[in-house]
Structure formats: structure tokens, C-alpha cells
Amino acid sequence: QVQLVESGGGLVQPGGSLRLSCAASGSIFSRYAMGWYRQAPGKERELVASMGTIGHTYYQDSVKGRFSISRDNAKKTIYLQMNSLKPEDTAVYYCNGLSSGSPVWSWGQGTQVTVSS
């Protein structure tokens, strides 16, 4: 079982930036596509961005051009660079492995992102 630890969230003003990190334990990290999800209050968890094992990326339409996902297999870490943040980006952000489009492992604690003036 892989354990996931997200970090980097915080309170930021609209238009600001944050960089989230997700560190994974275990040796199978590089074999999986990885994704960033978010869950806003009262809403279901949704996939925001993902990156495959050879670098193919996916972005939800609402974050295209503002968010950028990357991974460092040697460090078993994925990142989410978030720019031009909007209040609607406020949510708890989680990472997970992806297999056939579905999350693979147990969820970590997530990291809270709050965009507010």
C-alpha cells in the first residue's frame, strides 16, 4: 500500500500562486499515472489534473492555462503549480495514483487551499 502526504496549501489572495506537493511511499510510484483531485465544501471530489507515466497530461477545463502538473519519479513526488488562483479553486486538494481513470490507493489527509481576499 502506498501512503500519500500532500503539502503546500494555504491562504492566498485571488490572482496568487501556490505550489502543492505530494510525496508517496513505496517503490511502485513510477508505474502509475498520478493525479491531483480537489473537494470543495458540499461537492464531490473531482479530478483536476493528471500525468501519465511518460508525461502525458490532462487538465480539467476550469484550470487549463493556470495549473501545471509535474512529477519527479526519483523523489516519488508530484507537484501542482497553481497560478492565477480564483475563489472557486478553494478546496482540499488530494493526490492519488490512477488506474483506468480511477484512484488506486487510500486517500491522504489532503492540503487546504483557500483563495480569498
Protein backbone atom coordinates (compact mmCIF):
# COMPACT_ATOMS: atom_id res chain seq x y z
CA GLN A 1 0.00 0.00 0.00
CA VAL A 2 1.25 3.45 -0.91
CA GLN A 3 0.92 6.30 1.57
CA LEU A 4 0.37 9.79 0.27
CA VAL A 5 1.27 13.06 2.01
CA GLU A 6 0.10 16.32 0.49
CA SER A 7 1.51 19.71 1.44
CA GLY A 8 1.83 23.28 0.25
CA GLY A 9 -1.68 24.58 0.70
CA GLY A 10 -2.61 27.82 2.39
CA LEU A 11 -4.50 31.07 2.18
CA VAL A 12 -3.83 33.15 -0.90
CA GLN A 13 -5.44 36.19 -2.49
CA PRO A 14 -7.17 35.93 -5.87
CA GLY A 15 -4.58 36.02 -8.61
CA GLY A 16 -1.94 34.50 -6.38
CA SER A 17 0.02 31.28 -6.74
CA LEU A 18 0.69 28.14 -4.75
CA ARG A 19 2.72 25.01 -5.39
CA LEU A 20 1.39 21.79 -3.95
CA SER A 21 3.50 18.70 -3.34
CA CYS A 22 2.52 15.09 -2.86
CA ALA A 23 5.07 12.62 -1.54
CA ALA A 24 4.41 8.92 -1.97
CA SER A 25 5.90 5.99 -0.15
CA GLY A 26 6.70 2.66 -1.78
CA SER A 27 8.56 1.63 -4.90
CA ILE A 28 5.67 1.43 -7.36
CA PHE A 29 5.14 5.18 -7.74
CA SER A 30 6.74 5.36 -11.18
CA ARG A 31 4.47 2.65 -12.58
CA TYR A 32 1.31 4.72 -12.17
CA ALA A 33 -0.26 7.76 -13.66
CA MET A 34 -0.76 10.32 -10.89
CA GLY A 35 -3.50 12.81 -10.37
CA TRP A 36 -4.50 15.80 -8.31
CA TYR A 37 -8.07 15.92 -7.07
CA ARG A 38 -9.96 18.53 -5.11
CA GLN A 39 -13.07 18.57 -2.97
CA ALA A 40 -14.88 21.80 -2.19
CA PRO A 41 -17.38 22.01 0.68
CA GLY A 42 -20.61 20.28 -0.23
CA LYS A 43 -19.24 18.97 -3.51
CA GLU A 44 -17.87 15.66 -4.73
CA ARG A 45 -14.18 15.09 -5.16
CA GLU A 46 -13.10 15.83 -8.73
CA LEU A 47 -10.01 15.20 -10.81
CA VAL A 48 -8.20 18.43 -11.58
CA ALA A 49 -5.08 17.28 -13.38
CA SER A 50 -3.16 14.11 -14.10
CA MET A 51 0.12 12.99 -15.56
CA GLY A 52 0.86 9.62 -17.08
CA THR A 53 3.98 7.56 -16.66
CA ILE A 54 5.55 9.02 -19.79
CA GLY A 55 4.40 12.58 -19.24
CA HIS A 56 1.01 12.83 -20.95
CA THR A 57 -1.09 15.38 -19.09
CA TYR A 58 -4.77 16.06 -18.58
CA TYR A 59 -6.34 19.21 -17.13
CA GLN A 60 -9.90 19.98 -16.21
CA ASP A 61 -11.17 22.81 -18.40
CA SER A 62 -11.53 25.16 -15.44
CA VAL A 63 -7.78 25.05 -14.68
CA LYS A 64 -6.28 24.86 -18.16
CA GLY A 65 -3.63 27.51 -18.64
CA ARG A 66 -3.43 28.20 -14.90
CA PHE A 67 -2.35 24.89 -13.32
CA SER A 68 0.62 22.73 -14.22
CA ILE A 69 1.27 19.20 -13.01
CA SER A 70 4.72 17.63 -12.85
CA ARG A 71 6.35 14.61 -11.29
CA ASP A 72 9.76 13.58 -10.04
CA ASN A 73 9.96 9.80 -10.01
CA ALA A 74 13.31 9.78 -8.21
CA LYS A 75 11.73 11.69 -5.33
CA LYS A 76 8.40 9.87 -5.65
CA THR A 77 6.70 13.24 -5.64
CA ILE A 78 4.19 15.04 -7.80
CA TYR A 79 3.58 18.75 -7.88
CA LEU A 80 0.77 21.08 -8.83
CA GLN A 81 1.77 24.63 -9.70
CA MET A 82 -1.32 26.78 -9.39
CA ASN A 83 -1.29 30.29 -10.82
CA SER A 84 -3.96 32.97 -11.22
CA LEU A 85 -5.94 31.39 -8.42
CA LYS A 86 -9.65 32.10 -8.15
CA PRO A 87 -12.02 31.83 -5.20
CA GLU A 88 -13.65 28.85 -6.89
CA ASP A 89 -10.34 26.98 -6.59
CA THR A 90 -10.89 26.85 -2.83
CA ALA A 91 -10.94 23.20 -1.79
CA VAL A 92 -9.00 20.45 -0.11
CA TYR A 93 -6.53 19.08 -2.63
CA TYR A 94 -5.54 15.41 -2.73
CA CYS A 95 -3.28 13.28 -4.88
CA ASN A 96 -3.61 9.65 -5.87
CA GLY A 97 -2.45 7.12 -8.36
CA LEU A 98 -4.67 6.45 -11.32
CA SER A 99 -5.57 3.16 -12.95
CA SER A 100 -8.18 3.09 -15.71
CA GLY A 101 -9.15 6.58 -14.64
CA SER A 102 -9.87 5.68 -11.03
CA PRO A 103 -7.92 6.35 -7.84
CA VAL A 104 -5.79 3.47 -6.70
CA TRP A 105 -4.75 3.98 -3.10
CA SER A 106 -6.20 5.19 0.17
CA TRP A 107 -6.53 8.95 0.39
CA GLY A 108 -4.08 11.08 2.33
CA GLN A 109 -5.10 13.94 4.57
CA GLY A 110 -5.11 16.46 1.74
CA THR A 111 -3.99 20.07 1.85
CA GLN A 112 -6.38 23.01 2.19
CA VAL A 113 -6.26 25.76 -0.42
CA THR A 114 -8.25 28.88 0.33
CA VAL A 115 -8.44 31.69 -2.19
CA SER A 116 -9.90 34.80 -0.62
CA SER A 117 -9.26 38.49 -0.29
